[in-house]
Amino acid sequence: MAAGRADVRRGERRSLTGHRYLLGDPLTPGNPVLSVYQSDIIVYGASLRNFLLLEFHDLLDLDRIDAIALAGQGITRERIAAIPFWGELILGTQ
């Protein structure tokens, strides 16, 4: 595999909506959802479940407090640091 291709795969992401992305390499349960807009990168959801519950609670007929309880814990700094490629970018911008 060419070096350039390896770099692209390392930061692979799957588009969800707008500038929200699910990390895609490796595509595993519990991957965080990122908001990527130009050089502004933040963790927008600790997991896909967390993101969907918090972002679309009104469509699910849940009140915000119930959605927060169902969404579970947020993401820790240690877990962000462990994300290949993106962790360095996120922590480097804070």
PDB file of N, CA and C in Angstrom:
ATOM      1  N   MET A   1       0.859  -1.183   0.000  1.00  0.00           N
ATOM      2  CA  MET A   1       0.000   0.000   0.000  1.00  0.00           C
ATOM      3  C   MET A   1       0.896   1.235   0.000  1.00  0.00           C
ATOM      4  N   ALA A   2       0.565   2.183  -0.842  1.00  0.00           N
ATOM      5  CA  ALA A   2       1.348   3.410  -0.938  1.00  0.00           C
ATOM      6  C   ALA A   2       1.194   4.237   0.332  1.00  0.00           C
ATOM      7  N   ALA A   3       2.231   4.998   0.650  1.00  0.00           N
ATOM      8  CA  ALA A   3       2.214   5.801   1.879  1.00  0.00           C
ATOM      9  C   ALA A   3       1.041   6.780   1.890  1.00  0.00           C
ATOM     10  N   GLY A   4       0.745   7.412   0.754  1.00  0.00           N
ATOM     11  CA  GLY A   4      -0.368   8.363   0.696  1.00  0.00           C
ATOM     12  C   GLY A   4      -1.698   7.706   1.009  1.00  0.00           C
ATOM     13  N   ARG A   5      -1.898   6.501   0.497  1.00  0.00           N
ATOM     14  CA  ARG A   5      -3.149   5.775   0.751  1.00  0.00           C
ATOM     15  C   ARG A   5      -3.264   5.400   2.221  1.00  0.00           C
ATOM     16  N   ALA A   6      -2.178   5.024   2.853  1.00  0.00           N
ATOM     17  CA  ALA A   6      -2.198   4.672   4.277  1.00  0.00           C
ATOM     18  C   ALA A   6      -2.638   5.876   5.099  1.00  0.00           C
ATOM     19  N   ASP A   7      -2.186   7.073   4.734  1.00  0.00           N
ATOM     20  CA  ASP A   7      -2.575   8.270   5.461  1.00  0.00           C
ATOM     21  C   ASP A   7      -4.071   8.538   5.322  1.00  0.00           C
ATOM     22  N   VAL A   8      -4.625   8.309   4.132  1.00  0.00           N
ATOM     23  CA  VAL A   8      -6.048   8.534   3.915  1.00  0.00           C
ATOM     24  C   VAL A   8      -6.858   7.549   4.742  1.00  0.00           C
ATOM     25  N   ARG A   9      -6.482   6.277   4.732  1.00  0.00           N
ATOM     26  CA  ARG A   9      -7.226   5.265   5.487  1.00  0.00           C
ATOM     27  C   ARG A   9      -7.191   5.559   6.984  1.00  0.00           C
ATOM     28  N   ARG A  10      -6.073   6.054   7.462  1.00  0.00           N
ATOM     29  CA  ARG A  10      -5.920   6.289   8.897  1.00  0.00           C
ATOM     30  C   ARG A  10      -6.977   7.267   9.409  1.00  0.00           C
ATOM     31  N   GLY A  11      -7.366   8.219   8.605  1.00  0.00           N
ATOM     32  CA  GLY A  11      -8.347   9.207   9.031  1.00  0.00           C
ATOM     33  C   GLY A  11      -9.719   9.011   8.411  1.00  0.00           C
ATOM     34  N   GLU A  12      -9.993   7.799   7.925  1.00  0.00           N
ATOM     35  CA  GLU A  12     -11.260   7.540   7.237  1.00  0.00           C
ATOM     36  C   GLU A  12     -12.459   7.821   8.139  1.00  0.00           C
ATOM     37  N   ARG A  13     -13.493   8.377   7.535  1.00  0.00           N
ATOM     38  CA  ARG A  13     -14.722   8.666   8.280  1.00  0.00           C
ATOM     39  C   ARG A  13     -15.920   8.461   7.366  1.00  0.00           C
ATOM     40  N   ARG A  14     -17.080   8.212   7.977  1.00  0.00           N
ATOM     41  CA  ARG A  14     -18.336   7.996   7.248  1.00  0.00           C
ATOM     42  C   ARG A  14     -19.255   9.186   7.530  1.00  0.00           C
ATOM     43  N   SER A  15     -19.747   9.800   6.468  1.00  0.00           N
ATOM     44  CA  SER A  15     -20.611  10.963   6.615  1.00  0.00           C
ATOM     45  C   SER A  15     -21.962  10.552   7.190  1.00  0.00           C
ATOM     46  N   LEU A  16     -22.431  11.295   8.192  1.00  0.00           N
ATOM     47  CA  LEU A  16     -23.751  11.054   8.782  1.00  0.00           C
ATOM     48  C   LEU A  16     -24.735  12.121   8.328  1.00  0.00           C
ATOM     49  N   THR A  17     -24.420  13.356   8.641  1.00  0.00           N
ATOM     50  CA  THR A  17     -25.274  14.482   8.274  1.00  0.00           C
ATOM     51  C   THR A  17     -24.454  15.764   8.373  1.00  0.00           C
ATOM     52  N   GLY A  18     -24.617  16.641   7.419  1.00  0.00           N
ATOM     53  CA  GLY A  18     -23.864  17.894   7.448  1.00  0.00           C
ATOM     54  C   GLY A  18     -22.378  17.641   7.591  1.00  0.00           C
ATOM     55  N   HIS A  19     -21.789  18.199   8.621  1.00  0.00           N
ATOM     56  CA  HIS A  19     -20.361  17.982   8.862  1.00  0.00           C
ATOM     57  C   HIS A  19     -20.146  17.074  10.067  1.00  0.00           C
ATOM     58  N   ARG A  20     -21.049  16.121  10.273  1.00  0.00           N
ATOM     59  CA  ARG A  20     -20.926  15.113  11.330  1.00  0.00           C
ATOM     60  C   ARG A  20     -20.479  13.795  10.702  1.00  0.00           C
ATOM     61  N   TYR A  21     -19.485  13.167  11.312  1.00  0.00           N
ATOM     62  CA  TYR A  21     -18.897  11.961  10.749  1.00  0.00           C
ATOM     63  C   TYR A  21     -18.698  10.892  11.818  1.00  0.00           C
ATOM     64  N   LEU A  22     -18.897   9.648  11.417  1.00  0.00           N
ATOM     65  CA  LEU A  22     -18.593   8.501  12.256  1.00  0.00           C
ATOM     66  C   LEU A  22     -17.227   7.994  11.825  1.00  0.00           C
ATOM     67  N   LEU A  23     -16.329   7.774  12.777  1.00  0.00           N
ATOM     68  CA  LEU A  23     -15.016   7.256  12.415  1.00  0.00           C
ATOM     69  C   LEU A  23     -15.168   5.898  11.758  1.00  0.00           C
ATOM     70  N   GLY A  24     -14.410   5.662  10.675  1.00  0.00           N
ATOM     71  CA  GLY A  24     -14.617   4.463   9.887  1.00  0.00           C
ATOM     72  C   GLY A  24     -13.443   3.526   9.764  1.00  0.00           C
ATOM     73  N   ASP A  25     -12.328   3.792  10.402  1.00  0.00           N
ATOM     74  CA  ASP A  25     -11.191   2.892  10.286  1.00  0.00           C
ATOM     75  C   ASP A  25     -10.523   2.745  11.640  1.00  0.00           C
ATOM     76  N   PRO A  26     -10.798   1.681  12.364  1.00  0.00           N
ATOM     77  CA  PRO A  26     -11.703   0.591  12.001  1.00  0.00           C
ATOM     78  C   PRO A  26     -13.145   0.965  12.343  1.00  0.00           C
ATOM     79  N   LEU A  27     -14.088   0.429  11.588  1.00  0.00           N
ATOM     80  CA  LEU A  27     -15.509   0.670  11.841  1.00  0.00           C
ATOM     81  C   LEU A  27     -15.966  -0.328  12.893  1.00  0.00           C
ATOM     82  N   THR A  28     -15.995   0.129  14.142  1.00  0.00           N
ATOM     83  CA  THR A  28     -16.341  -0.749  15.265  1.00  0.00           C
ATOM     84  C   THR A  28     -17.411  -0.095  16.125  1.00  0.00           C
ATOM     85  N   PRO A  29     -18.195  -0.908  16.853  1.00  0.00           N
ATOM     86  CA  PRO A  29     -19.199  -0.339  17.754  1.00  0.00           C
ATOM     87  C   PRO A  29     -18.539   0.583  18.783  1.00  0.00           C
ATOM     88  N   GLY A  30     -19.186   1.699  19.073  1.00  0.00           N
ATOM     89  CA  GLY A  30     -18.673   2.626  20.073  1.00  0.00           C
ATOM     90  C   GLY A  30     -17.774   3.710  19.518  1.00  0.00           C
ATOM     91  N   ASN A  31     -17.536   3.711  18.188  1.00  0.00           N
ATOM     92  CA  ASN A  31     -16.731   4.790  17.613  1.00  0.00           C
ATOM     93  C   ASN A  31     -17.424   6.128  17.852  1.00  0.00           C
ATOM     94  N   PRO A  32     -16.660   7.170  18.143  1.00  0.00           N
ATOM     95  CA  PRO A  32     -17.271   8.481  18.371  1.00  0.00           C
ATOM     96  C   PRO A  32     -17.718   9.141  17.066  1.00  0.00           C
ATOM     97  N   VAL A  33     -18.613  10.107  17.197  1.00  0.00           N
ATOM     98  CA  VAL A  33     -19.056  10.937  16.080  1.00  0.00           C
ATOM     99  C   VAL A  33     -18.311  12.263  16.199  1.00  0.00           C
ATOM    100  N   LEU A  34     -17.695  12.677  15.102  1.00  0.00           N
ATOM    101  CA  LEU A  34     -16.948  13.929  15.083  1.00  0.00           C
ATOM    102  C   LEU A  34     -17.699  14.984  14.289  1.00  0.00           C
ATOM    103  N   SER A  35     -17.521  16.224  14.688  1.00  0.00           N
ATOM    104  CA  SER A  35     -17.948  17.363  13.899  1.00  0.00           C
ATOM    105  C   SER A  35     -16.669  17.944  13.298  1.00  0.00           C
ATOM    106  N   VAL A  36     -16.582  17.929  11.973  1.00  0.00           N
ATOM    107  CA  VAL A  36     -15.385  18.412  11.282  1.00  0.00           C
ATOM    108  C   VAL A  36     -15.801  19.525  10.339  1.00  0.00           C
ATOM    109  N   TYR A  37     -15.356  20.721  10.638  1.00  0.00           N
ATOM    110  CA  TYR A  37     -15.646  21.876   9.789  1.00  0.00           C
ATOM    111  C   TYR A  37     -14.362  22.665   9.646  1.00  0.00           C
ATOM    112  N   GLN A  38     -13.768  22.588   8.461  1.00  0.00           N
ATOM    113  CA  GLN A  38     -12.461  23.158   8.185  1.00  0.00           C
ATOM    114  C   GLN A  38     -11.465  22.632   9.214  1.00  0.00           C
ATOM    115  N   SER A  39     -10.824  23.472   9.990  1.00  0.00           N
ATOM    116  CA  SER A  39      -9.848  22.973  10.973  1.00  0.00           C
ATOM    117  C   SER A  39     -10.455  22.821  12.372  1.00  0.00           C
ATOM    118  N   ASP A  40     -11.760  23.035  12.506  1.00  0.00           N
ATOM    119  CA  ASP A  40     -12.444  22.890  13.785  1.00  0.00           C
ATOM    120  C   ASP A  40     -12.963  21.461  13.903  1.00  0.00           C
ATOM    121  N   ILE A  41     -12.405  20.688  14.824  1.00  0.00           N
ATOM    122  CA  ILE A  41     -12.770  19.285  15.002  1.00  0.00           C
ATOM    123  C   ILE A  41     -13.119  19.057  16.463  1.00  0.00           C
ATOM    124  N   ILE A  42     -14.346  18.582  16.704  1.00  0.00           N
ATOM    125  CA  ILE A  42     -14.764  18.271  18.073  1.00  0.00           C
ATOM    126  C   ILE A  42     -15.471  16.917  18.093  1.00  0.00           C
ATOM    127  N   VAL A  43     -15.478  16.289  19.256  1.00  0.00           N
ATOM    128  CA  VAL A  43     -16.260  15.074  19.440  1.00  0.00           C
ATOM    129  C   VAL A  43     -17.698  15.517  19.684  1.00  0.00           C
ATOM    130  N   TYR A  44     -18.584  15.108  18.794  1.00  0.00           N
ATOM    131  CA  TYR A  44     -19.978  15.528  18.873  1.00  0.00           C
ATOM    132  C   TYR A  44     -20.858  14.490  19.539  1.00  0.00           C
ATOM    133  N   GLY A  45     -20.372  13.256  19.589  1.00  0.00           N
ATOM    134  CA  GLY A  45     -21.087  12.183  20.266  1.00  0.00           C
ATOM    135  C   GLY A  45     -20.101  11.106  20.674  1.00  0.00           C
ATOM    136  N   ALA A  46     -20.249  10.584  21.878  1.00  0.00           N
ATOM    137  CA  ALA A  46     -19.324   9.555  22.368  1.00  0.00           C
ATOM    138  C   ALA A  46     -19.446   8.264  21.563  1.00  0.00           C
ATOM    139  N   SER A  47     -20.609   8.057  20.928  1.00  0.00           N
ATOM    140  CA  SER A  47     -20.866   6.895  20.079  1.00  0.00           C
ATOM    141  C   SER A  47     -22.011   7.276  19.138  1.00  0.00           C
ATOM    142  N   LEU A  48     -22.297   6.417  18.188  1.00  0.00           N
ATOM    143  CA  LEU A  48     -23.419   6.698  17.292  1.00  0.00           C
ATOM    144  C   LEU A  48     -24.722   6.756  18.073  1.00  0.00           C
ATOM    145  N   ARG A  49     -24.899   5.857  19.010  1.00  0.00           N
ATOM    146  CA  ARG A  49     -26.117   5.854  19.850  1.00  0.00           C
ATOM    147  C   ARG A  49     -26.238   7.166  20.629  1.00  0.00           C
ATOM    148  N   ASN A  50     -25.141   7.577  21.247  1.00  0.00           N
ATOM    149  CA  ASN A  50     -25.101   8.816  22.006  1.00  0.00           C
ATOM    150  C   ASN A  50     -25.481   9.999  21.113  1.00  0.00           C
ATOM    151  N   PHE A  51     -24.875  10.075  19.939  1.00  0.00           N
ATOM    152  CA  PHE A  51     -25.149  11.156  18.990  1.00  0.00           C
ATOM    153  C   PHE A  51     -26.624  11.182  18.576  1.00  0.00           C
ATOM    154  N   LEU A  52     -27.155  10.018  18.167  1.00  0.00           N
ATOM    155  CA  LEU A  52     -28.538   9.960  17.685  1.00  0.00           C
ATOM    156  C   LEU A  52     -29.538  10.351  18.773  1.00  0.00           C
ATOM    157  N   LEU A  53     -29.331   9.860  19.984  1.00  0.00           N
ATOM    158  CA  LEU A  53     -30.255  10.198  21.074  1.00  0.00           C
ATOM    159  C   LEU A  53     -30.229  11.683  21.406  1.00  0.00           C
ATOM    160  N   LEU A  54     -29.039  12.261  21.457  1.00  0.00           N
ATOM    161  CA  LEU A  54     -28.937  13.676  21.830  1.00  0.00           C
ATOM    162  C   LEU A  54     -29.346  14.608  20.693  1.00  0.00           C
ATOM    163  N   GLU A  55     -29.006  14.240  19.462  1.00  0.00           N
ATOM    164  CA  GLU A  55     -29.296  15.101  18.312  1.00  0.00           C
ATOM    165  C   GLU A  55     -30.766  15.041  17.892  1.00  0.00           C
ATOM    166  N   PHE A  56     -31.384  13.865  18.025  1.00  0.00           N
ATOM    167  CA  PHE A  56     -32.731  13.685  17.498  1.00  0.00           C
ATOM    168  C   PHE A  56     -33.756  13.299  18.567  1.00  0.00           C
ATOM    169  N   HIS A  57     -33.507  13.680  19.810  1.00  0.00           N
ATOM    170  CA  HIS A  57     -34.420  13.317  20.900  1.00  0.00           C
ATOM    171  C   HIS A  57     -35.843  13.799  20.645  1.00  0.00           C
ATOM    172  N   ASP A  58     -35.983  14.970  20.034  1.00  0.00           N
ATOM    173  CA  ASP A  58     -37.321  15.497  19.777  1.00  0.00           C
ATOM    174  C   ASP A  58     -38.079  14.639  18.757  1.00  0.00           C
ATOM    175  N   LEU A  59     -37.384  14.109  17.751  1.00  0.00           N
ATOM    176  CA  LEU A  59     -38.027  13.234  16.771  1.00  0.00           C
ATOM    177  C   LEU A  59     -38.405  11.883  17.371  1.00  0.00           C
ATOM    178  N   LEU A  60     -37.700  11.508  18.439  1.00  0.00           N
ATOM    179  CA  LEU A  60     -37.983  10.250  19.132  1.00  0.00           C
ATOM    180  C   LEU A  60     -39.012  10.443  20.248  1.00  0.00           C
ATOM    181  N   ASP A  61     -39.525  11.661  20.351  1.00  0.00           N
ATOM    182  CA  ASP A  61     -40.503  12.018  21.381  1.00  0.00           C
ATOM    183  C   ASP A  61     -39.946  11.791  22.794  1.00  0.00           C
ATOM    184  N   LEU A  62     -38.665  12.149  22.956  1.00  0.00           N
ATOM    185  CA  LEU A  62     -38.016  12.074  24.267  1.00  0.00           C
ATOM    186  C   LEU A  62     -37.699  13.482  24.739  1.00  0.00           C
ATOM    187  N   ASP A  63     -37.848  13.716  26.003  1.00  0.00           N
ATOM    188  CA  ASP A  63     -37.391  15.014  26.501  1.00  0.00           C
ATOM    189  C   ASP A  63     -35.870  14.945  26.690  1.00  0.00           C
ATOM    190  N   ARG A  64     -35.252  16.097  26.672  1.00  0.00           N
ATOM    191  CA  ARG A  64     -33.777  16.176  26.675  1.00  0.00           C
ATOM    192  C   ARG A  64     -33.170  15.429  27.868  1.00  0.00           C
ATOM    193  N   ILE A  65     -33.757  15.539  29.041  1.00  0.00           N
ATOM    194  CA  ILE A  65     -33.239  14.875  30.243  1.00  0.00           C
ATOM    195  C   ILE A  65     -33.270  13.357  30.074  1.00  0.00           C
ATOM    196  N   ASP A  66     -34.363  12.823  29.525  1.00  0.00           N
ATOM    197  CA  ASP A  66     -34.460  11.379  29.277  1.00  0.00           C
ATOM    198  C   ASP A  66     -33.428  10.936  28.237  1.00  0.00           C
ATOM    199  N   ALA A  67     -33.249  11.738  27.199  1.00  0.00           N
ATOM    200  CA  ALA A  67     -32.272  11.406  26.156  1.00  0.00           C
ATOM    201  C   ALA A  67     -30.860  11.361  26.733  1.00  0.00           C
ATOM    202  N   ILE A  68     -30.541  12.298  27.611  1.00  0.00           N
ATOM    203  CA  ILE A  68     -29.215  12.322  28.244  1.00  0.00           C
ATOM    204  C   ILE A  68     -29.020  11.064  29.080  1.00  0.00           C
ATOM    205  N   ALA A  69     -30.047  10.671  29.815  1.00  0.00           N
ATOM    206  CA  ALA A  69     -29.952   9.464  30.642  1.00  0.00           C
ATOM    207  C   ALA A  69     -29.765   8.219  29.776  1.00  0.00           C
ATOM    208  N   LEU A  70     -30.469   8.135  28.654  1.00  0.00           N
ATOM    209  CA  LEU A  70     -30.361   6.981  27.763  1.00  0.00           C
ATOM    210  C   LEU A  70     -29.049   6.969  26.983  1.00  0.00           C
ATOM    211  N   ALA A  71     -28.512   8.147  26.710  1.00  0.00           N
ATOM    212  CA  ALA A  71     -27.302   8.252  25.889  1.00  0.00           C
ATOM    213  C   ALA A  71     -26.074   7.717  26.605  1.00  0.00           C
ATOM    214  N   GLY A  72     -26.089   7.713  27.915  1.00  0.00           N
ATOM    215  CA  GLY A  72     -24.939   7.204  28.658  1.00  0.00           C
ATOM    216  C   GLY A  72     -23.856   8.251  28.819  1.00  0.00           C
ATOM    217  N   GLN A  73     -22.699   7.781  29.212  1.00  0.00           N
ATOM    218  CA  GLN A  73     -21.584   8.671  29.512  1.00  0.00           C
ATOM    219  C   GLN A  73     -21.016   9.326  28.263  1.00  0.00           C
ATOM    220  N   GLY A  74     -20.404  10.462  28.489  1.00  0.00           N
ATOM    221  CA  GLY A  74     -19.689  11.145  27.418  1.00  0.00           C
ATOM    222  C   GLY A  74     -18.351  10.476  27.171  1.00  0.00           C
ATOM    223  N   ILE A  75     -17.499  11.142  26.477  1.00  0.00           N
ATOM    224  CA  ILE A  75     -16.192  10.576  26.122  1.00  0.00           C
ATOM    225  C   ILE A  75     -15.103  11.199  26.988  1.00  0.00           C
ATOM    226  N   THR A  76     -14.141  10.396  27.412  1.00  0.00           N
ATOM    227  CA  THR A  76     -13.061  10.892  28.263  1.00  0.00           C
ATOM    228  C   THR A  76     -11.883  11.378  27.422  1.00  0.00           C
ATOM    229  N   ARG A  77     -11.068  12.183  28.012  1.00  0.00           N
ATOM    230  CA  ARG A  77      -9.849  12.680  27.346  1.00  0.00           C
ATOM    231  C   ARG A  77      -8.943  11.512  26.948  1.00  0.00           C
ATOM    232  N   GLU A  78      -8.875  10.488  27.798  1.00  0.00           N
ATOM    233  CA  GLU A  78      -8.039   9.319  27.508  1.00  0.00           C
ATOM    234  C   GLU A  78      -8.554   8.583  26.277  1.00  0.00           C
ATOM    235  N   ARG A  79      -9.874   8.472  26.158  1.00  0.00           N
ATOM    236  CA  ARG A  79     -10.444   7.786  24.987  1.00  0.00           C
ATOM    237  C   ARG A  79     -10.215   8.605  23.719  1.00  0.00           C
ATOM    238  N   ILE A  80     -10.289   9.926  23.823  1.00  0.00           N
ATOM    239  CA  ILE A  80      -9.993  10.784  22.667  1.00  0.00           C
ATOM    240  C   ILE A  80      -8.543  10.599  22.249  1.00  0.00           C
ATOM    241  N   ALA A  81      -7.643  10.588  23.211  1.00  0.00           N
ATOM    242  CA  ALA A  81      -6.218  10.432  22.918  1.00  0.00           C
ATOM    243  C   ALA A  81      -5.923   9.109  22.223  1.00  0.00           C
ATOM    244  N   ALA A  82      -6.748   8.083  22.460  1.00  0.00           N
ATOM    245  CA  ALA A  82      -6.529   6.760  21.877  1.00  0.00           C
ATOM    246  C   ALA A  82      -7.056   6.637  20.443  1.00  0.00           C
ATOM    247  N   ILE A  83      -7.752   7.654  19.941  1.00  0.00           N
ATOM    248  CA  ILE A  83      -8.289   7.597  18.577  1.00  0.00           C
ATOM    249  C   ILE A  83      -7.142   7.860  17.600  1.00  0.00           C
ATOM    250  N   PRO A  84      -6.817   6.869  16.753  1.00  0.00           N
ATOM    251  CA  PRO A  84      -5.739   7.088  15.788  1.00  0.00           C
ATOM    252  C   PRO A  84      -6.032   8.290  14.888  1.00  0.00           C
ATOM    253  N   PHE A  85      -5.019   9.074  14.625  1.00  0.00           N
ATOM    254  CA  PHE A  85      -5.055  10.238  13.752  1.00  0.00           C
ATOM    255  C   PHE A  85      -5.902  11.376  14.322  1.00  0.00           C
ATOM    256  N   TRP A  86      -7.196  11.164  14.510  1.00  0.00           N
ATOM    257  CA  TRP A  86      -8.100  12.222  14.941  1.00  0.00           C
ATOM    258  C   TRP A  86      -7.848  12.670  16.372  1.00  0.00           C
ATOM    259  N   GLY A  87      -7.470  11.764  17.263  1.00  0.00           N
ATOM    260  CA  GLY A  87      -7.211  12.118  18.654  1.00  0.00           C
ATOM    261  C   GLY A  87      -6.157  13.205  18.778  1.00  0.00           C
ATOM    262  N   GLU A  88      -5.093  13.070  17.985  1.00  0.00           N
ATOM    263  CA  GLU A  88      -4.023  14.072  18.012  1.00  0.00           C
ATOM    264  C   GLU A  88      -4.535  15.425  17.535  1.00  0.00           C
ATOM    265  N   LEU A  89      -5.356  15.413  16.482  1.00  0.00           N
ATOM    266  CA  LEU A  89      -5.893  16.673  15.963  1.00  0.00           C
ATOM    267  C   LEU A  89      -6.846  17.336  16.950  1.00  0.00           C
ATOM    268  N   ILE A  90      -7.703  16.531  17.582  1.00  0.00           N
ATOM    269  CA  ILE A  90      -8.675  17.070  18.533  1.00  0.00           C
ATOM    270  C   ILE A  90      -7.980  17.666  19.749  1.00  0.00           C
ATOM    271  N   LEU A  91      -7.081  16.916  20.338  1.00  0.00           N
ATOM    272  CA  LEU A  91      -6.403  17.397  21.554  1.00  0.00           C
ATOM    273  C   LEU A  91      -5.432  18.510  21.256  1.00  0.00           C
ATOM    274  N   GLY A  92      -4.917  18.533  20.042  1.00  0.00           N
ATOM    275  CA  GLY A  92      -3.996  19.602  19.659  1.00  0.00           C
ATOM    276  C   GLY A  92      -4.689  20.920  19.428  1.00  0.00           C
ATOM    277  N   THR A  93      -6.025  20.898  19.203  1.00  0.00           N
ATOM    278  CA  THR A  93      -6.779  22.115  18.938  1.00  0.00           C
ATOM    279  C   THR A  93      -7.465  22.666  20.171  1.00  0.00           C
ATOM    280  N   GLN A  94      -7.376  21.958  21.289  1.00  0.00           N
ATOM    281  CA  GLN A  94      -8.063  22.438  22.496  1.00  0.00           C
ATOM    282  C   GLN A  94      -7.160  23.316  23.325  1.00  0.00           C
TER     283      GLN A  94
END
